[in-house]
Amino acid sequence: MLRLVQDVAGETYSAVFYEGLGDLPHFNPDLDVDPLPEAVAGLRAAIARADAVLVCTPEYAGTLPGSFKNLLDWTVGGTEICDKPTGWINAANPGRGEGAVATLRTVLEYTGAGIVEEACARIAIADPDARERITEVLRALVR
């Protein structure tokens, strides 16, 4: 889904992927102090550089995958995502994904992210209107 987002963004929007998920240490509040672990500092710097944040995560066992929840846990102690326009695309199959969205909303609200409701959508990859709907999500994030 994020590759499709990048394709739709094209030259109109700059879509930058965070690809360091596997490098993040397991969240430990004792490590959430300066100097931060290098991977955590990189994550927070990437969020700080972004004008907005768009998340796309699968549902796993009725909630967020553990590795992605770990990433979000590392954002709680920082201020980089506070008030940052944030949205998500839920690409789960019909009848699925609500657990992931509920957990994602809870954690993002806790971090102070500026959730843009119009930029939160359920878009199946096979949706014939996926490109148009992604365009709407991106427009909502930059407004």
Protein backbone atom coordinates (compact mmCIF):
# COMPACT_ATOMS: atom_id res chain seq x y z
CA MET A 1 0.00 0.00 0.00
CA LEU A 2 2.79 2.44 0.82
CA ARG A 3 4.41 1.78 -2.56
CA LEU A 4 1.09 2.72 -4.15
CA VAL A 5 1.01 5.85 -1.97
CA GLN A 6 4.49 6.74 -3.19
CA ASP A 7 3.39 6.22 -6.79
CA VAL A 8 0.28 8.38 -6.32
CA ALA A 9 2.30 11.07 -4.54
CA GLY A 10 4.52 11.31 -7.60
CA GLU A 11 6.02 14.75 -8.00
CA THR A 12 3.17 16.51 -6.21
CA TYR A 13 4.12 15.27 -2.74
CA SER A 14 7.38 13.97 -1.34
CA ALA A 15 6.72 10.55 0.19
CA VAL A 16 9.64 9.34 2.31
CA PHE A 17 9.57 5.85 3.82
CA TYR A 18 10.94 5.07 7.24
CA GLU A 19 12.75 1.78 6.76
CA GLY A 20 14.43 1.37 10.16
CA LEU A 21 11.72 -0.65 11.89
CA GLY A 22 13.94 -3.71 12.24
CA ASP A 23 16.77 -1.67 13.74
CA LEU A 24 14.79 -0.32 16.70
CA PRO A 25 15.61 -1.85 20.08
CA HIS A 26 12.79 -3.21 22.18
CA PHE A 27 11.20 -0.29 23.97
CA ASN A 28 12.67 0.30 27.40
CA PRO A 29 11.85 3.54 29.22
CA ASP A 30 15.28 3.42 30.86
CA LEU A 31 16.79 3.91 27.39
CA ASP A 32 14.49 6.83 26.54
CA VAL A 33 17.07 9.36 27.68
CA ASP A 34 19.85 11.31 25.99
CA PRO A 35 21.77 10.02 24.28
CA LEU A 36 19.03 7.96 22.63
CA PRO A 37 19.87 4.69 20.92
CA GLU A 38 20.98 5.57 17.38
CA ALA A 39 17.98 3.93 15.68
CA VAL A 40 15.53 5.75 17.98
CA ALA A 41 17.25 9.08 17.33
CA GLY A 42 16.95 8.36 13.60
CA LEU A 43 13.24 7.58 13.91
CA ARG A 44 12.52 10.75 15.83
CA ALA A 45 14.61 12.82 13.42
CA ALA A 46 12.67 11.41 10.48
CA ILE A 47 9.39 12.36 12.14
CA ALA A 48 10.72 15.82 12.98
CA ARG A 49 11.71 16.41 9.31
CA ALA A 50 8.30 15.34 8.00
CA ASP A 51 5.52 17.82 7.34
CA ALA A 52 3.01 15.04 8.03
CA VAL A 53 2.94 11.34 8.93
CA LEU A 54 0.98 8.68 7.06
CA VAL A 55 0.84 5.22 8.59
CA CYS A 56 -0.16 1.98 6.96
CA THR A 57 0.02 -1.12 9.09
CA PRO A 58 -1.56 -4.54 8.85
CA GLU A 59 -3.65 -6.02 11.61
CA TYR A 60 -2.03 -8.95 13.35
CA ALA A 61 -3.85 -11.10 15.89
CA GLY A 62 -6.56 -8.45 16.20
CA THR A 63 -4.24 -5.49 16.86
CA LEU A 64 -1.01 -3.91 15.67
CA PRO A 65 1.99 -6.09 14.89
CA GLY A 66 4.36 -6.05 17.86
CA SER A 67 7.24 -4.53 15.93
CA PHE A 68 5.11 -1.61 14.79
CA LYS A 69 3.73 -1.08 18.30
CA ASN A 70 7.36 -0.99 19.45
CA LEU A 71 8.04 1.81 16.95
CA LEU A 72 5.06 3.77 18.27
CA ASP A 73 6.20 3.24 21.86
CA TRP A 74 9.46 5.00 20.98
CA THR A 75 7.47 8.06 19.83
CA VAL A 76 5.68 8.48 23.17
CA GLY A 77 8.68 9.98 24.96
CA GLY A 78 9.50 12.43 22.18
CA THR A 79 7.74 15.57 21.05
CA GLU A 80 8.37 15.21 17.32
CA ILE A 81 4.91 13.84 16.50
CA CYS A 82 3.03 16.24 18.80
CA ASP A 83 0.51 18.20 16.71
CA LYS A 84 2.05 16.79 13.49
CA PRO A 85 -0.70 16.12 10.90
CA THR A 86 -1.11 12.35 11.02
CA GLY A 87 -3.30 9.92 9.12
CA TRP A 88 -3.46 6.27 8.23
CA ILE A 89 -4.61 3.89 5.58
CA ASN A 90 -6.08 0.61 6.74
CA ALA A 91 -5.56 -1.86 3.90
CA ALA A 92 -7.03 -4.86 5.71
CA ASN A 93 -9.51 -7.17 4.04
CA PRO A 94 -13.21 -6.42 4.61
CA GLY A 95 -14.29 -7.31 8.13
CA ARG A 96 -10.74 -6.98 9.45
CA GLY A 97 -8.52 -4.17 10.67
CA GLU A 98 -10.69 -2.55 13.32
CA GLY A 99 -8.45 -3.76 16.15
CA ALA A 100 -5.37 -2.28 14.54
CA VAL A 101 -7.14 1.03 13.89
CA ALA A 102 -8.45 1.23 17.46
CA THR A 103 -4.99 0.58 18.93
CA LEU A 104 -3.35 2.97 16.48
CA ARG A 105 -5.79 5.74 17.37
CA THR A 106 -5.25 5.18 21.09
CA VAL A 107 -1.46 5.34 20.85
CA LEU A 108 -1.41 8.29 18.44
CA GLU A 109 -3.79 10.25 20.67
CA TYR A 110 -1.53 9.47 23.63
CA THR A 111 1.50 10.85 21.72
CA GLY A 112 -0.35 14.06 20.89
CA ALA A 113 -0.25 13.44 17.13
CA GLY A 114 -2.53 15.75 15.18
CA ILE A 115 -4.89 13.11 13.79
CA VAL A 116 -6.51 14.37 10.59
CA GLU A 117 -9.78 12.46 10.39
CA GLU A 118 -10.12 13.06 6.63
CA ALA A 119 -6.71 11.41 6.21
CA CYS A 120 -7.78 8.18 7.93
CA ALA A 121 -9.23 5.72 5.47
CA ARG A 122 -9.87 2.09 4.72
CA ILE A 123 -8.59 1.39 1.21
CA ALA A 124 -8.18 -2.13 -0.10
CA ILE A 125 -5.31 -2.57 -2.52
CA ALA A 126 -7.72 -4.05 -5.06
CA ASP A 127 -10.13 -1.10 -4.72
CA PRO A 128 -10.62 0.31 -8.24
CA ASP A 129 -10.74 3.80 -6.69
CA ALA A 130 -7.60 3.28 -4.56
CA ARG A 131 -5.52 5.89 -6.39
CA GLU A 132 -8.23 8.53 -6.11
CA ARG A 133 -8.84 7.76 -2.45
CA ILE A 134 -5.11 7.92 -1.66
CA THR A 135 -5.00 11.31 -3.39
CA GLU A 136 -7.79 12.48 -1.06
CA VAL A 137 -5.84 11.23 1.99
CA LEU A 138 -2.68 13.06 0.87
CA ARG A 139 -4.59 16.28 0.19
CA ALA A 140 -6.17 16.12 3.65
CA LEU A 141 -2.75 15.70 5.27
CA VAL A 142 -1.26 18.75 3.60
CA ARG A 143 -4.23 21.07 4.17
